[in-house]
Amino acid sequence: MTEKEFISGWTRKIGKEGIKKFPDDFVGNMNLGEVELPGKTLFLGEEFFGTYEILTVDGNPFLQLKNHTKAKYIIYSNRLKPKIIKIPSLESEIKSAVSNYEDYLDGILKKIKQDYTKNFPDGKNSIASANEIFKILNLTRY
C-alpha cells in the first residue's frame, strides 16, 4: 500500500461512516441565536490586542470577536458553507460544543495515526497524511 492509497482509503472510510455535523450534532436546540455567514471558506486570522479576526479565503475580514472559542465555533460551523448558523447564547454551551467537536476530530486523528503506524512502521508522514485526509474532507482542527 502506498501513502496515496492510504489517504484515499481513509477518505472513503470516513466519508462512508459519515462525518458528524457541527454544530447540529454537538448542541441542543435551546437558546440559539443566528449568525449570517458569507457562504465562502473562512479561516481564523491572527489574534490582535485580544480580538480574533475571521477572514474569508480571499483575505477579506468577515468578523472580529473577543472570544477565541466563539471564533472557532463559527469556523467549524462553516464547513459546508451555510448562509446561516445557529449559535448558543451561553458561552458555556459554545465552549462545550467546541470541546466535544475537537475531541471527535482528535479521535479521528488518533485512529489515522495508529493505522498509519501499522501500515508504515518506518513512515514519518503520519501528520502529513492526516492533514491531507482532513483537507480532502474539508475538516479543520484549530
N, C-alpha and C. Protein backbone atom coordinates (compact mmCIF):
# COMPACT_ATOMS: atom_id res chain seq x y z
N MET A 1 0.85 -1.18 0.00
CA MET A 1 0.00 0.00 0.00
C MET A 1 0.90 1.24 0.00
N THR A 2 0.53 2.20 -0.81
CA THR A 2 1.26 3.46 -0.84
C THR A 2 0.55 4.46 0.09
N GLU A 3 1.24 5.56 0.38
CA GLU A 3 0.62 6.59 1.22
C GLU A 3 -0.58 7.21 0.50
N LYS A 4 -0.49 7.32 -0.80
CA LYS A 4 -1.62 7.86 -1.57
C LYS A 4 -2.84 6.95 -1.43
N GLU A 5 -2.64 5.64 -1.49
CA GLU A 5 -3.73 4.68 -1.31
C GLU A 5 -4.26 4.74 0.12
N PHE A 6 -3.36 4.91 1.08
CA PHE A 6 -3.76 5.04 2.48
C PHE A 6 -4.69 6.24 2.66
N ILE A 7 -4.30 7.37 2.12
CA ILE A 7 -5.10 8.59 2.22
C ILE A 7 -6.45 8.40 1.54
N SER A 8 -6.44 7.83 0.37
CA SER A 8 -7.68 7.59 -0.36
C SER A 8 -8.60 6.64 0.41
N GLY A 9 -8.03 5.59 0.98
CA GLY A 9 -8.81 4.62 1.75
C GLY A 9 -9.45 5.25 2.97
N TRP A 10 -8.68 6.05 3.70
CA TRP A 10 -9.22 6.71 4.89
C TRP A 10 -10.27 7.75 4.52
N THR A 11 -10.06 8.44 3.44
CA THR A 11 -11.04 9.43 3.00
C THR A 11 -12.37 8.74 2.70
N ARG A 12 -12.31 7.63 1.99
CA ARG A 12 -13.53 6.86 1.69
C ARG A 12 -14.18 6.32 2.96
N LYS A 13 -13.35 5.78 3.85
CA LYS A 13 -13.86 5.19 5.09
C LYS A 13 -14.60 6.23 5.93
N ILE A 14 -13.99 7.38 6.15
CA ILE A 14 -14.62 8.42 6.96
C ILE A 14 -15.88 8.93 6.27
N GLY A 15 -15.81 9.12 4.96
CA GLY A 15 -16.99 9.57 4.21
C GLY A 15 -18.12 8.56 4.28
N LYS A 16 -17.79 7.29 4.21
CA LYS A 16 -18.80 6.23 4.27
C LYS A 16 -19.45 6.14 5.65
N GLU A 17 -18.62 6.28 6.71
CA GLU A 17 -19.14 6.24 8.07
C GLU A 17 -20.00 7.46 8.37
N GLY A 18 -19.72 8.54 7.67
CA GLY A 18 -20.45 9.78 7.90
C GLY A 18 -19.70 10.66 8.88
N ILE A 19 -19.60 11.91 8.55
CA ILE A 19 -18.93 12.87 9.40
C ILE A 19 -19.99 13.59 10.20
N LYS A 20 -19.78 13.65 11.50
CA LYS A 20 -20.74 14.38 12.33
C LYS A 20 -20.78 15.83 11.89
N LYS A 21 -21.96 16.40 11.96
CA LYS A 21 -22.14 17.79 11.52
C LYS A 21 -22.03 18.73 12.71
N PHE A 22 -21.20 19.73 12.52
CA PHE A 22 -21.07 20.76 13.53
C PHE A 22 -21.81 22.00 13.04
N PRO A 23 -22.65 22.57 13.83
CA PRO A 23 -22.89 22.36 15.25
C PRO A 23 -24.04 21.41 15.56
N ASP A 24 -24.79 20.99 14.54
CA ASP A 24 -26.03 20.23 14.76
C ASP A 24 -25.89 19.04 15.70
N ASP A 25 -24.81 18.28 15.56
CA ASP A 25 -24.62 17.09 16.38
C ASP A 25 -23.96 17.37 17.73
N PHE A 26 -23.71 18.65 18.02
CA PHE A 26 -22.97 18.99 19.23
C PHE A 26 -23.65 20.02 20.12
N VAL A 27 -24.79 20.54 19.72
CA VAL A 27 -25.53 21.50 20.56
C VAL A 27 -27.00 21.08 20.62
N GLY A 28 -27.66 21.53 21.68
CA GLY A 28 -29.09 21.30 21.79
C GLY A 28 -29.85 22.35 20.98
N ASN A 29 -31.14 22.40 21.18
CA ASN A 29 -31.97 23.33 20.41
C ASN A 29 -32.49 24.50 21.24
N MET A 30 -31.90 24.73 22.41
CA MET A 30 -32.41 25.79 23.26
C MET A 30 -31.49 27.00 23.24
N ASN A 31 -32.07 28.17 23.34
CA ASN A 31 -31.33 29.43 23.42
C ASN A 31 -30.32 29.61 22.29
N LEU A 32 -30.79 29.41 21.08
CA LEU A 32 -29.91 29.55 19.93
C LEU A 32 -30.19 30.86 19.20
N GLY A 33 -29.13 31.56 18.89
CA GLY A 33 -29.24 32.74 18.04
C GLY A 33 -28.76 32.36 16.65
N GLU A 34 -28.75 33.32 15.75
CA GLU A 34 -28.30 33.05 14.39
C GLU A 34 -27.18 34.01 14.01
N VAL A 35 -26.28 33.49 13.20
CA VAL A 35 -25.22 34.31 12.63
C VAL A 35 -25.25 34.07 11.13
N GLU A 36 -25.26 35.15 10.37
CA GLU A 36 -25.25 35.05 8.91
C GLU A 36 -23.81 34.93 8.44
N LEU A 37 -23.56 33.97 7.56
CA LEU A 37 -22.22 33.73 7.03
C LEU A 37 -22.15 34.10 5.55
N PRO A 38 -20.95 34.32 5.03
CA PRO A 38 -20.82 34.77 3.64
C PRO A 38 -20.94 33.67 2.58
N GLY A 39 -21.01 32.39 3.00
CA GLY A 39 -21.09 31.32 2.01
C GLY A 39 -19.74 31.05 1.35
N LYS A 40 -18.67 31.48 1.98
CA LYS A 40 -17.31 31.28 1.49
C LYS A 40 -16.51 30.56 2.57
N THR A 41 -15.38 30.00 2.17
CA THR A 41 -14.48 29.39 3.14
C THR A 41 -13.96 30.47 4.08
N LEU A 42 -13.97 30.15 5.37
CA LEU A 42 -13.49 31.08 6.38
C LEU A 42 -12.30 30.47 7.10
N PHE A 43 -11.42 31.32 7.58
CA PHE A 43 -10.33 30.84 8.42
C PHE A 43 -10.03 31.86 9.50
N LEU A 44 -9.40 31.36 10.53
CA LEU A 44 -9.10 32.18 11.69
C LEU A 44 -7.82 32.95 11.45
N GLY A 45 -7.91 34.26 11.56
CA GLY A 45 -6.73 35.10 11.41
C GLY A 45 -5.97 35.18 12.73
N GLU A 46 -5.08 36.11 12.79
CA GLU A 46 -4.25 36.30 13.98
C GLU A 46 -5.01 37.02 15.09
N GLU A 47 -4.58 36.76 16.31
CA GLU A 47 -5.10 37.49 17.46
C GLU A 47 -4.41 38.85 17.47
N PHE A 48 -5.19 39.90 17.66
CA PHE A 48 -4.65 41.25 17.65
C PHE A 48 -5.27 42.04 18.78
N PHE A 49 -4.49 42.29 19.83
CA PHE A 49 -4.96 43.02 21.01
C PHE A 49 -6.23 42.40 21.61
N GLY A 50 -6.25 41.08 21.71
CA GLY A 50 -7.36 40.39 22.34
C GLY A 50 -8.56 40.17 21.44
N THR A 51 -8.43 40.48 20.17
CA THR A 51 -9.52 40.28 19.21
C THR A 51 -9.08 39.26 18.17
N TYR A 52 -9.96 38.35 17.85
CA TYR A 52 -9.70 37.32 16.85
C TYR A 52 -10.47 37.64 15.59
N GLU A 53 -9.75 37.66 14.49
CA GLU A 53 -10.37 38.02 13.22
C GLU A 53 -10.68 36.76 12.42
N ILE A 54 -11.86 36.74 11.85
CA ILE A 54 -12.24 35.67 10.93
C ILE A 54 -12.20 36.28 9.54
N LEU A 55 -11.47 35.61 8.64
CA LEU A 55 -11.27 36.10 7.29
C LEU A 55 -11.89 35.15 6.28
N THR A 56 -12.28 35.70 5.12
CA THR A 56 -12.71 34.85 4.02
C THR A 56 -11.46 34.34 3.33
N VAL A 57 -11.62 33.33 2.49
CA VAL A 57 -10.49 32.71 1.82
C VAL A 57 -9.73 33.71 0.94
N ASP A 58 -10.40 34.75 0.48
CA ASP A 58 -9.72 35.76 -0.34
C ASP A 58 -9.07 36.85 0.52
N GLY A 59 -9.04 36.66 1.84
CA GLY A 59 -8.32 37.55 2.73
C GLY A 59 -9.11 38.73 3.26
N ASN A 60 -10.38 38.81 2.93
CA ASN A 60 -11.20 39.90 3.42
C ASN A 60 -11.70 39.63 4.84
N PRO A 61 -11.68 40.64 5.71
CA PRO A 61 -12.20 40.44 7.06
C PRO A 61 -13.70 40.20 7.02
N PHE A 62 -14.13 39.22 7.81
CA PHE A 62 -15.56 38.92 7.90
C PHE A 62 -16.12 39.34 9.25
N LEU A 63 -15.39 39.01 10.33
CA LEU A 63 -15.90 39.24 11.66
C LEU A 63 -14.73 39.33 12.64
N GLN A 64 -14.89 40.13 13.67
CA GLN A 64 -13.91 40.20 14.75
C GLN A 64 -14.61 39.85 16.05
N LEU A 65 -13.98 38.98 16.83
CA LEU A 65 -14.55 38.52 18.09
C LEU A 65 -13.52 38.57 19.19
N LYS A 66 -13.97 38.84 20.40
CA LYS A 66 -13.06 38.82 21.55
C LYS A 66 -12.94 37.41 22.12
N ASN A 67 -13.81 36.51 21.73
CA ASN A 67 -13.85 35.16 22.28
C ASN A 67 -13.28 34.17 21.26
N HIS A 68 -12.12 33.57 21.59
CA HIS A 68 -11.47 32.63 20.69
C HIS A 68 -12.33 31.39 20.43
N THR A 69 -12.99 30.90 21.47
CA THR A 69 -13.83 29.71 21.31
C THR A 69 -15.00 29.99 20.39
N LYS A 70 -15.60 31.16 20.50
CA LYS A 70 -16.71 31.52 19.62
C LYS A 70 -16.22 31.65 18.17
N ALA A 71 -15.01 32.16 17.99
CA ALA A 71 -14.44 32.25 16.64
C ALA A 71 -14.26 30.85 16.04
N LYS A 72 -13.75 29.92 16.86
CA LYS A 72 -13.60 28.55 16.37
C LYS A 72 -14.96 27.92 16.07
N TYR A 73 -15.96 28.22 16.90
CA TYR A 73 -17.31 27.71 16.68
C TYR A 73 -17.79 28.12 15.28
N ILE A 74 -17.60 29.37 14.95
CA ILE A 74 -18.05 29.87 13.64
C ILE A 74 -17.27 29.21 12.51
N ILE A 75 -15.97 29.07 12.66
CA ILE A 75 -15.16 28.41 11.64
C ILE A 75 -15.60 26.96 11.45
N TYR A 76 -15.76 26.22 12.56
CA TYR A 76 -16.19 24.83 12.46
C TYR A 76 -17.58 24.71 11.84
N SER A 77 -18.45 25.65 12.15
CA SER A 77 -19.82 25.63 11.62
C SER A 77 -19.86 25.89 10.12
N ASN A 78 -18.83 26.49 9.60
CA ASN A 78 -18.79 26.91 8.19
C ASN A 78 -18.29 25.81 7.25
N ARG A 79 -18.08 24.61 7.73
CA ARG A 79 -17.51 23.54 6.91
C ARG A 79 -18.24 23.35 5.59
N LEU A 80 -19.55 23.37 5.63
CA LEU A 80 -20.35 23.16 4.41
C LEU A 80 -20.84 24.48 3.82
N LYS A 81 -20.30 25.58 4.30
CA LYS A 81 -20.59 26.93 3.83
C LYS A 81 -22.08 27.30 3.85
N PRO A 82 -22.74 27.13 4.99
CA PRO A 82 -24.14 27.55 5.08
C PRO A 82 -24.25 29.06 5.10
N LYS A 83 -25.41 29.57 4.80
CA LYS A 83 -25.65 31.02 4.83
C LYS A 83 -25.95 31.50 6.25
N ILE A 84 -26.54 30.63 7.07
CA ILE A 84 -26.90 30.98 8.45
C ILE A 84 -26.56 29.80 9.35
N ILE A 85 -26.00 30.10 10.52
CA ILE A 85 -25.74 29.05 11.51
C ILE A 85 -26.44 29.40 12.81
N LYS A 86 -26.72 28.39 13.58
CA LYS A 86 -27.29 28.56 14.93
C LYS A 86 -26.13 28.57 15.91
N ILE A 87 -26.21 29.48 16.87
CA ILE A 87 -25.15 29.59 17.87
C ILE A 87 -25.77 29.78 19.25
N PRO A 88 -25.31 29.00 20.23
CA PRO A 88 -25.87 29.14 21.58
C PRO A 88 -25.60 30.53 22.15
N SER A 89 -26.53 30.99 22.97
CA SER A 89 -26.34 32.30 23.59
C SER A 89 -25.43 32.22 24.81
N LEU A 90 -25.32 31.04 25.41
CA LEU A 90 -24.47 30.87 26.58
C LEU A 90 -23.06 30.46 26.17
N GLU A 91 -22.08 31.17 26.71
CA GLU A 91 -20.68 30.87 26.40
C GLU A 91 -20.30 29.46 26.80
N SER A 92 -20.87 28.96 27.90
CA SER A 92 -20.55 27.60 28.35
C SER A 92 -21.01 26.55 27.34
N GLU A 93 -22.13 26.80 26.67
CA GLU A 93 -22.61 25.86 25.65
C GLU A 93 -21.74 25.90 24.40
N ILE A 94 -21.26 27.09 24.06
CA ILE A 94 -20.34 27.21 22.91
C ILE A 94 -19.06 26.45 23.22
N LYS A 95 -18.53 26.66 24.41
CA LYS A 95 -17.29 26.00 24.82
C LYS A 95 -17.46 24.48 24.83
N SER A 96 -18.57 24.00 25.35
CA SER A 96 -18.83 22.57 25.39
C SER A 96 -18.93 21.98 23.99
N ALA A 97 -19.65 22.64 23.11
CA ALA A 97 -19.80 22.15 21.73
C ALA A 97 -18.46 22.08 21.03
N VAL A 98 -17.66 23.15 21.16
CA VAL A 98 -16.35 23.18 20.51
C VAL A 98 -15.44 22.10 21.09
N SER A 99 -15.44 21.94 22.40
CA SER A 99 -14.61 20.94 23.05
C SER A 99 -14.99 19.53 22.60
N ASN A 100 -16.29 19.25 22.56
CA ASN A 100 -16.76 17.92 22.13
C ASN A 100 -16.41 17.67 20.66
N TYR A 101 -16.52 18.68 19.82
CA TYR A 101 -16.19 18.53 18.40
C TYR A 101 -14.69 18.29 18.23
N GLU A 102 -13.89 19.04 18.98
CA GLU A 102 -12.45 18.84 18.89
C GLU A 102 -12.03 17.46 19.40
N ASP A 103 -12.70 16.96 20.43
CA ASP A 103 -12.45 15.59 20.89
C ASP A 103 -12.80 14.58 19.80
N TYR A 104 -13.90 14.83 19.10
CA TYR A 104 -14.32 13.97 17.99
C TYR A 104 -13.25 13.97 16.89
N LEU A 105 -12.77 15.16 16.50
CA LEU A 105 -11.74 15.25 15.47
C LEU A 105 -10.44 14.60 15.94
N ASP A 106 -10.08 14.81 17.21
CA ASP A 106 -8.87 14.20 17.75
C ASP A 106 -8.95 12.68 17.72
N GLY A 107 -10.15 12.15 17.96
CA GLY A 107 -10.35 10.70 17.88
C GLY A 107 -10.09 10.17 16.47
N ILE A 108 -10.56 10.91 15.48
CA ILE A 108 -10.31 10.52 14.09
C ILE A 108 -8.82 10.56 13.81
N LEU A 109 -8.17 11.64 14.23
CA LEU A 109 -6.72 11.77 14.01
C LEU A 109 -5.95 10.64 14.67
N LYS A 110 -6.35 10.25 15.87
CA LYS A 110 -5.68 9.17 16.59
C LYS A 110 -5.80 7.85 15.82
N LYS A 111 -7.00 7.56 15.30
CA LYS A 111 -7.20 6.33 14.53
C LYS A 111 -6.36 6.33 13.26
N ILE A 112 -6.30 7.48 12.60
CA ILE A 112 -5.49 7.59 11.38
C ILE A 112 -4.03 7.32 11.70
N LYS A 113 -3.53 7.94 12.76
CA LYS A 113 -2.12 7.79 13.14
C LYS A 113 -1.80 6.34 13.50
N GLN A 114 -2.70 5.69 14.25
CA GLN A 114 -2.48 4.29 14.63
C GLN A 114 -2.42 3.40 13.39
N ASP A 115 -3.35 3.63 12.47
CA ASP A 115 -3.37 2.83 11.25
C ASP A 115 -2.15 3.12 10.38
N TYR A 116 -1.74 4.36 10.34
CA TYR A 116 -0.55 4.73 9.57
C TYR A 116 0.68 3.99 10.12
N THR A 117 0.82 4.01 11.44
CA THR A 117 1.96 3.34 12.08
C THR A 117 1.93 1.84 11.81
N LYS A 118 0.74 1.26 11.78
CA LYS A 118 0.61 -0.17 11.49
C LYS A 118 1.00 -0.47 10.04
N ASN A 119 0.58 0.38 9.11
CA ASN A 119 0.84 0.15 7.69
C ASN A 119 2.23 0.60 7.24
N PHE A 120 2.77 1.60 7.92
CA PHE A 120 4.07 2.14 7.55
C PHE A 120 4.94 2.26 8.82
N PRO A 121 5.45 1.14 9.33
CA PRO A 121 6.19 1.16 10.59
C PRO A 121 7.37 2.14 10.60
N ASP A 122 7.99 2.34 9.47
CA ASP A 122 9.13 3.24 9.39
C ASP A 122 8.74 4.60 8.79
N GLY A 123 7.46 4.77 8.52
CA GLY A 123 6.99 6.01 7.88
C GLY A 123 7.06 7.19 8.83
N LYS A 124 7.27 8.34 8.25
CA LYS A 124 7.38 9.56 9.05
C LYS A 124 6.38 10.62 8.61
N ASN A 125 5.40 10.23 7.83
CA ASN A 125 4.47 11.22 7.28
C ASN A 125 3.05 11.07 7.81
N SER A 126 2.91 10.58 9.03
CA SER A 126 1.55 10.39 9.55
C SER A 126 0.80 11.71 9.66
N ILE A 127 1.47 12.76 10.10
CA ILE A 127 0.81 14.06 10.23
C ILE A 127 0.44 14.62 8.87
N ALA A 128 1.34 14.51 7.91
CA ALA A 128 1.06 14.99 6.56
C ALA A 128 -0.11 14.22 5.94
N SER A 129 -0.15 12.91 6.18
CA SER A 129 -1.25 12.10 5.65
C SER A 129 -2.58 12.49 6.30
N ALA A 130 -2.58 12.67 7.62
CA ALA A 130 -3.79 13.08 8.32
C ALA A 130 -4.25 14.46 7.84
N ASN A 131 -3.30 15.36 7.65
CA ASN A 131 -3.65 16.70 7.15
C ASN A 131 -4.28 16.62 5.76
N GLU A 132 -3.76 15.76 4.92
CA GLU A 132 -4.31 15.61 3.57
C GLU A 132 -5.73 15.03 3.62
N ILE A 133 -5.95 14.06 4.49
CA ILE A 133 -7.28 13.48 4.65
C ILE A 133 -8.26 14.55 5.12
N PHE A 134 -7.87 15.34 6.11
CA PHE A 134 -8.73 16.41 6.61
C PHE A 134 -8.98 17.46 5.52
N LYS A 135 -7.97 17.76 4.74
CA LYS A 135 -8.13 18.74 3.65
C LYS A 135 -9.14 18.25 2.62
N ILE A 136 -9.04 17.01 2.24
CA ILE A 136 -9.96 16.43 1.26
C ILE A 136 -11.39 16.45 1.78
N LEU A 137 -11.56 16.16 3.09
CA LEU A 137 -12.89 16.13 3.71
C LEU A 137 -13.36 17.50 4.17
N ASN A 138 -12.54 18.52 3.96
CA ASN A 138 -12.84 19.89 4.38
C ASN A 138 -13.09 19.97 5.89
N LEU A 139 -12.23 19.30 6.64
CA LEU A 139 -12.26 19.35 8.10
C LEU A 139 -11.12 20.23 8.59
N THR A 140 -11.39 20.98 9.63
CA THR A 140 -10.39 21.87 10.22
C THR A 140 -10.32 21.60 11.70
N ARG A 141 -9.10 21.61 12.24
CA ARG A 141 -8.92 21.47 13.68
C ARG A 141 -7.96 22.56 14.15
N TYR A 142 -8.47 23.51 14.93
CA TYR A 142 -7.63 24.59 15.48
C TYR A 142 -7.20 24.22 16.88
